[in-house]
């Protein structure tokens, strides 16, 4: 599978805001995001998954791929995740747990870890954002931002 990040902008381009649109709303955000916190870059690319969705039953499924890169000079380990998922009706759900996709990857300087997962929604649009709890080789812990990104089914006006 080709790398979905090749040719993608590094920062999430914001669309043109319409009057009354809220910052961070699906109408403003792109399905890509990037944040760098304490030398850890987190890039996300999302896409609608029609093969897993049942829109007539009010169930939309989105896949997202995350790449975490250690830009620093110290080895780090991802300990846990914290996602905040908000649908188009402003209903939010928080998802927390150890690691990602059953792993707690260790990243030496310059290394990346990439994984894919999915998110169900009860509306055709939404927003995800969150953080990872990381541990440094020295024993300290810190949170790394996952910048907001849109979840958008095609042909959706919002």
N, C-alpha and C. Protein backbone atom coordinates (compact mmCIF):
# COMPACT_ATOMS: atom_id res chain seq x y z
N UNK A 1 0.85 -1.18 0.00
CA UNK A 1 0.00 0.00 0.00
C UNK A 1 0.89 1.23 0.00
N UNK A 2 0.60 2.21 -0.86
CA UNK A 2 1.43 3.41 -0.89
C UNK A 2 1.28 4.21 0.40
N UNK A 3 2.32 4.92 0.74
CA UNK A 3 2.32 5.75 1.95
C UNK A 3 1.32 6.89 1.76
N UNK A 4 0.25 6.98 2.60
CA UNK A 4 -0.76 8.02 2.41
C UNK A 4 -0.25 9.42 2.69
N UNK A 5 0.94 9.54 3.26
CA UNK A 5 1.46 10.86 3.61
C UNK A 5 2.27 11.48 2.49
N UNK A 6 2.69 10.68 1.51
CA UNK A 6 3.50 11.23 0.42
C UNK A 6 2.66 12.24 -0.35
N UNK A 7 3.19 13.42 -0.53
CA UNK A 7 2.49 14.47 -1.26
C UNK A 7 1.44 15.19 -0.44
N UNK A 8 1.26 14.83 0.81
CA UNK A 8 0.28 15.50 1.67
C UNK A 8 0.95 16.70 2.35
N UNK A 9 0.19 17.76 2.60
CA UNK A 9 0.76 18.88 3.34
C UNK A 9 1.09 18.45 4.76
N UNK A 10 2.09 19.06 5.35
CA UNK A 10 2.51 18.70 6.71
C UNK A 10 1.54 19.24 7.75
N UNK A 11 0.94 20.37 7.50
CA UNK A 11 0.00 20.94 8.46
C UNK A 11 -1.41 20.78 7.91
N UNK A 12 -2.36 20.71 8.79
CA UNK A 12 -3.74 20.57 8.36
C UNK A 12 -4.22 21.87 7.76
N UNK A 13 -4.52 21.88 6.45
CA UNK A 13 -5.01 23.12 5.85
C UNK A 13 -6.44 23.36 6.29
N UNK A 14 -6.73 24.56 6.68
CA UNK A 14 -8.09 24.89 7.09
C UNK A 14 -8.87 25.36 5.88
N UNK A 15 -10.10 24.90 5.78
CA UNK A 15 -10.96 25.34 4.70
C UNK A 15 -11.45 26.74 4.97
N UNK A 16 -12.17 27.30 4.04
CA UNK A 16 -12.73 28.64 4.22
C UNK A 16 -13.87 28.54 5.21
N UNK A 17 -13.81 29.37 6.23
CA UNK A 17 -14.86 29.33 7.24
C UNK A 17 -16.07 30.12 6.76
N UNK A 18 -17.24 29.51 6.90
CA UNK A 18 -18.45 30.24 6.60
C UNK A 18 -18.87 31.00 7.84
N UNK A 19 -19.71 31.99 7.65
CA UNK A 19 -20.18 32.75 8.81
C UNK A 19 -20.86 31.80 9.77
N UNK A 20 -20.51 31.91 11.01
CA UNK A 20 -21.14 31.11 12.04
C UNK A 20 -20.50 29.75 12.25
N UNK A 21 -19.53 29.37 11.42
CA UNK A 21 -18.91 28.06 11.67
C UNK A 21 -17.97 28.17 12.85
N UNK A 22 -17.93 27.13 13.62
CA UNK A 22 -17.13 27.12 14.83
C UNK A 22 -15.73 26.61 14.53
N UNK A 23 -14.69 27.20 15.12
CA UNK A 23 -13.35 26.65 14.95
C UNK A 23 -13.33 25.21 15.42
N UNK A 24 -12.72 24.35 14.62
CA UNK A 24 -12.65 22.94 14.96
C UNK A 24 -13.84 22.14 14.48
N UNK A 25 -14.78 22.78 13.78
CA UNK A 25 -15.94 22.05 13.28
C UNK A 25 -15.55 21.31 12.01
N UNK A 26 -16.30 20.25 11.63
CA UNK A 26 -15.96 19.49 10.43
C UNK A 26 -15.94 20.34 9.17
N UNK A 27 -16.74 21.41 9.11
CA UNK A 27 -16.76 22.24 7.91
C UNK A 27 -15.46 23.02 7.75
N UNK A 28 -14.71 23.19 8.82
CA UNK A 28 -13.48 23.96 8.78
C UNK A 28 -12.25 23.08 8.65
N UNK A 29 -12.28 21.89 9.20
CA UNK A 29 -11.10 21.04 9.27
C UNK A 29 -10.95 20.14 8.06
N UNK A 30 -9.72 19.78 7.77
CA UNK A 30 -9.40 18.80 6.74
C UNK A 30 -9.25 17.43 7.41
N UNK A 31 -9.28 16.35 6.61
CA UNK A 31 -9.11 15.01 7.19
C UNK A 31 -7.64 14.67 7.46
N UNK A 32 -6.79 15.69 7.55
CA UNK A 32 -5.38 15.49 7.92
C UNK A 32 -5.04 16.45 9.05
N UNK A 33 -4.10 16.03 9.89
CA UNK A 33 -3.65 16.94 10.94
C UNK A 33 -2.21 16.62 11.29
N UNK A 34 -1.57 17.58 11.92
CA UNK A 34 -0.20 17.40 12.40
C UNK A 34 -0.01 18.26 13.64
N UNK A 35 0.69 17.70 14.61
CA UNK A 35 1.09 18.46 15.79
C UNK A 35 2.46 17.94 16.22
N UNK A 36 3.28 18.86 16.75
CA UNK A 36 4.57 18.47 17.31
C UNK A 36 4.60 18.96 18.75
N UNK A 37 4.81 18.02 19.68
CA UNK A 37 4.89 18.34 21.10
C UNK A 37 6.15 17.69 21.65
N UNK A 38 7.02 18.48 22.25
CA UNK A 38 8.25 17.97 22.86
C UNK A 38 9.00 17.03 21.92
N UNK A 39 9.14 17.45 20.67
CA UNK A 39 9.88 16.72 19.63
C UNK A 39 9.22 15.42 19.18
N UNK A 40 7.93 15.26 19.44
CA UNK A 40 7.18 14.11 18.94
C UNK A 40 6.15 14.63 17.95
N UNK A 41 6.26 14.19 16.69
CA UNK A 41 5.30 14.60 15.65
C UNK A 41 4.23 13.53 15.53
N UNK A 42 2.97 13.99 15.50
CA UNK A 42 1.83 13.10 15.30
C UNK A 42 1.08 13.59 14.07
N UNK A 43 1.03 12.74 13.03
CA UNK A 43 0.31 13.05 11.80
C UNK A 43 -0.84 12.07 11.66
N UNK A 44 -2.00 12.58 11.22
CA UNK A 44 -3.18 11.74 11.07
C UNK A 44 -3.82 11.99 9.71
N UNK A 45 -4.28 10.91 9.10
CA UNK A 45 -5.03 10.98 7.85
C UNK A 45 -6.27 10.12 8.03
N UNK A 46 -7.47 10.70 7.82
CA UNK A 46 -8.70 9.92 7.98
C UNK A 46 -9.41 9.78 6.64
N UNK A 47 -10.26 8.75 6.56
CA UNK A 47 -11.08 8.55 5.37
C UNK A 47 -12.36 7.84 5.76
N UNK A 48 -13.39 8.14 5.02
CA UNK A 48 -14.68 7.48 5.20
C UNK A 48 -14.58 6.04 4.71
N UNK A 49 -15.20 5.11 5.41
CA UNK A 49 -15.17 3.69 5.06
C UNK A 49 -16.57 3.23 4.67
N UNK A 50 -16.95 3.41 3.39
CA UNK A 50 -18.31 3.05 2.99
C UNK A 50 -18.60 1.55 3.13
N UNK A 51 -17.56 0.73 2.96
CA UNK A 51 -17.77 -0.72 3.04
C UNK A 51 -18.12 -1.19 4.45
N UNK A 52 -17.82 -0.39 5.47
CA UNK A 52 -18.14 -0.75 6.85
C UNK A 52 -19.28 0.08 7.43
N UNK A 53 -19.79 1.04 6.66
CA UNK A 53 -20.84 1.94 7.14
C UNK A 53 -22.22 1.43 6.76
N UNK A 54 -23.21 1.86 7.52
CA UNK A 54 -24.61 1.58 7.23
C UNK A 54 -25.37 2.91 7.40
N UNK A 55 -25.18 3.80 6.45
CA UNK A 55 -25.72 5.16 6.58
C UNK A 55 -27.25 5.16 6.71
N UNK A 56 -27.94 4.24 6.06
CA UNK A 56 -29.40 4.20 6.18
C UNK A 56 -29.84 3.82 7.60
N UNK A 57 -28.93 3.22 8.36
CA UNK A 57 -29.21 2.85 9.75
C UNK A 57 -28.54 3.83 10.73
N UNK A 58 -27.96 4.91 10.20
CA UNK A 58 -27.34 5.91 11.06
C UNK A 58 -26.00 5.49 11.63
N UNK A 59 -25.23 4.75 10.84
CA UNK A 59 -23.91 4.30 11.30
C UNK A 59 -22.87 4.58 10.22
N UNK A 60 -22.00 5.55 10.50
CA UNK A 60 -20.91 5.90 9.59
C UNK A 60 -19.60 5.48 10.24
N UNK A 61 -18.72 4.86 9.46
CA UNK A 61 -17.45 4.38 9.98
C UNK A 61 -16.31 5.09 9.25
N UNK A 62 -15.32 5.51 10.02
CA UNK A 62 -14.16 6.21 9.48
C UNK A 62 -12.89 5.48 9.88
N UNK A 63 -11.97 5.37 8.95
CA UNK A 63 -10.65 4.81 9.25
C UNK A 63 -9.68 5.97 9.40
N UNK A 64 -8.69 5.80 10.23
CA UNK A 64 -7.66 6.81 10.34
C UNK A 64 -6.31 6.12 10.50
N UNK A 65 -5.31 6.75 9.90
CA UNK A 65 -3.93 6.26 9.98
C UNK A 65 -3.10 7.32 10.69
N UNK A 66 -2.34 6.88 11.67
CA UNK A 66 -1.52 7.77 12.48
C UNK A 66 -0.05 7.40 12.29
N UNK A 67 0.77 8.42 12.13
CA UNK A 67 2.22 8.21 12.14
C UNK A 67 2.80 9.08 13.25
N UNK A 68 3.52 8.42 14.18
CA UNK A 68 4.16 9.10 15.31
C UNK A 68 5.66 9.03 15.05
N UNK A 69 6.32 10.19 15.06
CA UNK A 69 7.75 10.26 14.76
C UNK A 69 8.48 10.94 15.90
N UNK A 70 9.56 10.33 16.33
CA UNK A 70 10.40 10.90 17.38
C UNK A 70 11.44 11.79 16.72
N UNK A 71 11.26 13.10 16.83
CA UNK A 71 12.20 14.07 16.26
C UNK A 71 13.29 14.46 17.25
N UNK A 72 13.19 13.95 18.46
CA UNK A 72 14.11 14.33 19.53
C UNK A 72 15.36 13.47 19.58
N UNK A 73 16.12 13.66 20.65
CA UNK A 73 17.39 12.94 20.82
C UNK A 73 17.31 11.87 21.91
N UNK A 74 16.11 11.66 22.46
CA UNK A 74 15.94 10.69 23.54
C UNK A 74 14.88 9.66 23.14
N UNK A 75 15.09 8.41 23.48
CA UNK A 75 14.12 7.34 23.22
C UNK A 75 12.88 7.57 24.07
N UNK A 76 11.69 7.32 23.47
CA UNK A 76 10.42 7.48 24.17
C UNK A 76 9.56 6.25 23.94
N UNK A 77 8.57 6.08 24.82
CA UNK A 77 7.61 4.99 24.66
C UNK A 77 6.20 5.54 24.80
N UNK A 78 5.32 5.11 23.92
CA UNK A 78 3.91 5.48 24.01
C UNK A 78 3.26 4.57 25.05
N UNK A 79 2.68 5.18 26.08
CA UNK A 79 2.06 4.42 27.16
C UNK A 79 0.56 4.25 26.99
N UNK A 80 -0.14 5.36 26.62
CA UNK A 80 -1.60 5.31 26.55
C UNK A 80 -2.13 6.35 25.57
N UNK A 81 -3.41 6.22 25.30
CA UNK A 81 -4.09 7.13 24.37
C UNK A 81 -5.31 7.75 25.05
N UNK A 82 -5.69 8.93 24.56
CA UNK A 82 -6.90 9.61 25.02
C UNK A 82 -7.50 10.31 23.80
N UNK A 83 -8.62 9.82 23.32
CA UNK A 83 -9.30 10.40 22.17
C UNK A 83 -10.57 11.09 22.63
N UNK A 84 -10.89 12.21 21.99
CA UNK A 84 -12.17 12.89 22.17
C UNK A 84 -12.82 12.92 20.79
N UNK A 85 -13.94 12.24 20.67
CA UNK A 85 -14.64 12.09 19.38
C UNK A 85 -15.96 12.83 19.49
N UNK A 86 -16.18 13.80 18.61
CA UNK A 86 -17.39 14.62 18.65
C UNK A 86 -18.12 14.48 17.33
N UNK A 87 -19.42 14.16 17.38
CA UNK A 87 -20.18 14.03 16.13
C UNK A 87 -20.82 15.37 15.76
N UNK A 88 -21.56 15.39 14.66
CA UNK A 88 -22.14 16.62 14.14
C UNK A 88 -23.20 17.22 15.07
N UNK A 89 -23.73 16.44 15.99
CA UNK A 89 -24.72 16.94 16.94
C UNK A 89 -24.07 17.36 18.25
N UNK A 90 -22.73 17.49 18.23
CA UNK A 90 -21.95 17.93 19.38
C UNK A 90 -21.95 16.93 20.54
N UNK A 91 -22.27 15.67 20.24
CA UNK A 91 -22.16 14.62 21.25
C UNK A 91 -20.71 14.15 21.26
N UNK A 92 -20.11 14.13 22.45
CA UNK A 92 -18.71 13.73 22.57
C UNK A 92 -18.57 12.43 23.32
N UNK A 93 -17.57 11.66 22.91
CA UNK A 93 -17.23 10.41 23.59
C UNK A 93 -15.72 10.43 23.81
N UNK A 94 -15.29 10.00 24.97
CA UNK A 94 -13.86 9.91 25.26
C UNK A 94 -13.46 8.45 25.30
N UNK A 95 -12.33 8.16 24.65
CA UNK A 95 -11.81 6.81 24.61
C UNK A 95 -10.40 6.85 25.17
N UNK A 96 -10.16 6.06 26.21
CA UNK A 96 -8.83 6.00 26.82
C UNK A 96 -8.41 4.54 26.94
N UNK A 97 -7.12 4.33 27.02
CA UNK A 97 -6.64 2.97 27.21
C UNK A 97 -5.14 2.88 27.03
N UNK A 98 -4.60 1.73 27.38
CA UNK A 98 -3.15 1.54 27.22
C UNK A 98 -2.77 1.39 25.75
N UNK A 99 -1.69 2.03 25.37
CA UNK A 99 -1.12 1.86 24.03
C UNK A 99 -2.06 2.18 22.89
N UNK A 100 -1.69 1.69 21.72
CA UNK A 100 -2.50 1.83 20.50
C UNK A 100 -2.46 0.49 19.78
N UNK A 101 -3.58 0.07 19.26
CA UNK A 101 -3.73 -1.22 18.57
C UNK A 101 -2.98 -2.35 19.29
N UNK A 102 -3.11 -2.38 20.62
CA UNK A 102 -2.50 -3.43 21.41
C UNK A 102 -1.00 -3.33 21.59
N UNK A 103 -0.41 -2.21 21.26
CA UNK A 103 1.04 -2.04 21.37
C UNK A 103 1.38 -0.78 22.15
N UNK A 104 2.55 -0.78 22.74
CA UNK A 104 3.13 0.39 23.40
C UNK A 104 4.51 0.59 22.78
N UNK A 105 4.53 1.16 21.58
CA UNK A 105 5.79 1.22 20.82
C UNK A 105 6.86 2.07 21.49
N UNK A 106 8.11 1.65 21.32
CA UNK A 106 9.28 2.39 21.76
C UNK A 106 9.91 3.01 20.51
N UNK A 107 10.16 4.32 20.57
CA UNK A 107 10.71 5.04 19.42
C UNK A 107 12.05 5.64 19.77
N UNK A 108 13.09 5.13 19.14
CA UNK A 108 14.41 5.73 19.28
C UNK A 108 14.43 7.03 18.47
N UNK A 109 15.40 7.90 18.68
CA UNK A 109 15.49 9.13 17.88
C UNK A 109 15.43 8.83 16.38
N UNK A 110 14.55 9.55 15.69
CA UNK A 110 14.41 9.40 14.24
C UNK A 110 13.46 8.30 13.82
N UNK A 111 12.98 7.48 14.72
CA UNK A 111 12.08 6.38 14.36
C UNK A 111 10.63 6.83 14.33
N UNK A 112 9.83 6.11 13.51
CA UNK A 112 8.39 6.36 13.41
C UNK A 112 7.63 5.07 13.68
N UNK A 113 6.40 5.22 14.10
CA UNK A 113 5.48 4.10 14.27
C UNK A 113 4.19 4.51 13.58
N UNK A 114 3.67 3.63 12.71
CA UNK A 114 2.45 3.93 11.97
C UNK A 114 1.43 2.84 12.24
N UNK A 115 0.18 3.24 12.46
CA UNK A 115 -0.89 2.27 12.66
C UNK A 115 -2.19 2.83 12.11
N UNK A 116 -3.14 1.94 11.89
CA UNK A 116 -4.47 2.33 11.43
C UNK A 116 -5.51 1.78 12.39
N UNK A 117 -6.60 2.52 12.54
CA UNK A 117 -7.70 2.10 13.38
C UNK A 117 -8.99 2.67 12.77
N UNK A 118 -10.07 2.61 13.50
CA UNK A 118 -11.35 3.06 12.97
C UNK A 118 -12.20 3.69 14.06
N UNK A 119 -13.22 4.43 13.63
CA UNK A 119 -14.10 5.14 14.54
C UNK A 119 -15.52 5.13 13.98
N UNK A 120 -16.50 4.64 14.75
CA UNK A 120 -17.90 4.72 14.31
C UNK A 120 -18.53 6.04 14.78
N UNK A 121 -19.42 6.58 13.97
CA UNK A 121 -20.18 7.78 14.34
C UNK A 121 -21.66 7.56 14.04
N UNK A 122 -22.51 8.32 14.72
CA UNK A 122 -23.95 8.27 14.44
C UNK A 122 -24.38 9.39 13.51
N UNK A 123 -23.41 10.18 13.04
CA UNK A 123 -23.67 11.26 12.08
C UNK A 123 -22.63 11.16 10.96
N UNK A 124 -22.88 11.76 9.80
CA UNK A 124 -21.94 11.64 8.68
C UNK A 124 -20.68 12.51 8.81
N UNK A 125 -20.62 13.35 9.82
CA UNK A 125 -19.43 14.17 10.03
C UNK A 125 -19.11 14.20 11.53
N UNK A 126 -17.85 14.52 11.81
CA UNK A 126 -17.42 14.64 13.19
C UNK A 126 -15.98 15.13 13.24
N UNK A 127 -15.46 15.18 14.44
CA UNK A 127 -14.09 15.64 14.68
C UNK A 127 -13.46 14.73 15.72
N UNK A 128 -12.20 14.38 15.50
CA UNK A 128 -11.42 13.65 16.50
C UNK A 128 -10.22 14.49 16.90
N UNK A 129 -9.83 14.40 18.16
CA UNK A 129 -8.62 15.02 18.67
C UNK A 129 -8.23 14.25 19.92
N UNK A 130 -7.05 14.52 20.44
CA UNK A 130 -6.69 13.80 21.63
C UNK A 130 -5.24 13.97 22.02
N UNK A 131 -4.72 12.94 22.72
CA UNK A 131 -3.33 12.99 23.15
C UNK A 131 -2.82 11.58 23.42
N UNK A 132 -1.50 11.46 23.40
CA UNK A 132 -0.82 10.23 23.81
C UNK A 132 0.00 10.56 25.05
N UNK A 133 0.04 9.65 26.00
CA UNK A 133 0.92 9.77 27.16
C UNK A 133 2.20 9.03 26.78
N UNK A 134 3.31 9.74 26.88
CA UNK A 134 4.62 9.19 26.52
C UNK A 134 5.51 9.14 27.76
N UNK A 135 6.48 8.23 27.73
CA UNK A 135 7.50 8.16 28.77
C UNK A 135 8.86 8.31 28.11
N UNK A 136 9.70 9.13 28.70
CA UNK A 136 11.06 9.29 28.18
C UNK A 136 11.97 8.25 28.80
N UNK A 137 13.12 8.04 28.18
CA UNK A 137 14.08 7.06 28.69
C UNK A 137 14.51 7.41 30.11
N UNK A 138 14.48 8.70 30.45
CA UNK A 138 14.86 9.15 31.79
C UNK A 138 13.78 8.91 32.83
N UNK A 139 12.61 8.43 32.42
CA UNK A 139 11.55 8.11 33.37
C UNK A 139 10.44 9.14 33.46
N UNK A 140 10.63 10.31 32.90
CA UNK A 140 9.58 11.33 32.94
C UNK A 140 8.44 10.99 31.97
N UNK A 141 7.25 11.49 32.29
CA UNK A 141 6.10 11.29 31.41
C UNK A 141 5.58 12.64 30.93
N UNK A 142 5.01 12.64 29.73
CA UNK A 142 4.45 13.87 29.17
C UNK A 142 3.38 13.51 28.16
N UNK A 143 2.47 14.46 27.90
CA UNK A 143 1.40 14.26 26.93
C UNK A 143 1.78 14.89 25.60
N UNK A 144 1.40 14.22 24.51
CA UNK A 144 1.66 14.68 23.15
C UNK A 144 0.31 14.93 22.49
N UNK A 145 0.15 16.09 21.88
CA UNK A 145 -1.11 16.47 21.25
C UNK A 145 -1.37 15.70 19.96
N UNK A 146 -2.63 15.31 19.77
CA UNK A 146 -3.14 14.84 18.48
C UNK A 146 -4.07 15.95 18.01
N UNK A 147 -3.64 16.70 17.01
CA UNK A 147 -4.42 17.86 16.54
C UNK A 147 -5.76 17.41 15.96
N UNK A 148 -6.78 18.25 16.04
CA UNK A 148 -8.10 17.89 15.50
C UNK A 148 -8.05 17.60 14.01
N UNK A 149 -8.87 16.64 13.60
CA UNK A 149 -9.03 16.33 12.17
C UNK A 149 -10.49 15.94 11.95
N UNK A 150 -10.94 16.17 10.71
CA UNK A 150 -12.34 15.94 10.37
C UNK A 150 -12.61 14.50 9.99
N UNK A 151 -13.80 14.06 10.30
CA UNK A 151 -14.36 12.81 9.81
C UNK A 151 -15.52 13.23 8.92
N UNK A 152 -15.43 12.96 7.62
CA UNK A 152 -16.44 13.45 6.69
C UNK A 152 -16.81 12.37 5.68
N UNK A 153 -18.08 12.01 5.66
CA UNK A 153 -18.59 11.15 4.61
C UNK A 153 -18.76 12.00 3.36
N UNK A 154 -18.60 11.42 2.17
CA UNK A 154 -18.76 12.23 0.94
C UNK A 154 -20.20 12.72 0.78
N UNK A 155 -20.36 13.79 0.05
CA UNK A 155 -21.64 14.40 -0.25
C UNK A 155 -22.34 14.91 0.99
N UNK A 156 -21.56 15.29 1.97
CA UNK A 156 -22.11 15.81 3.20
C UNK A 156 -21.89 17.31 3.24
N UNK A 157 -22.94 18.04 3.49
CA UNK A 157 -22.83 19.49 3.64
C UNK A 157 -22.84 19.78 5.12
N UNK A 158 -21.76 20.37 5.60
CA UNK A 158 -21.68 20.72 7.02
C UNK A 158 -20.47 21.56 7.25
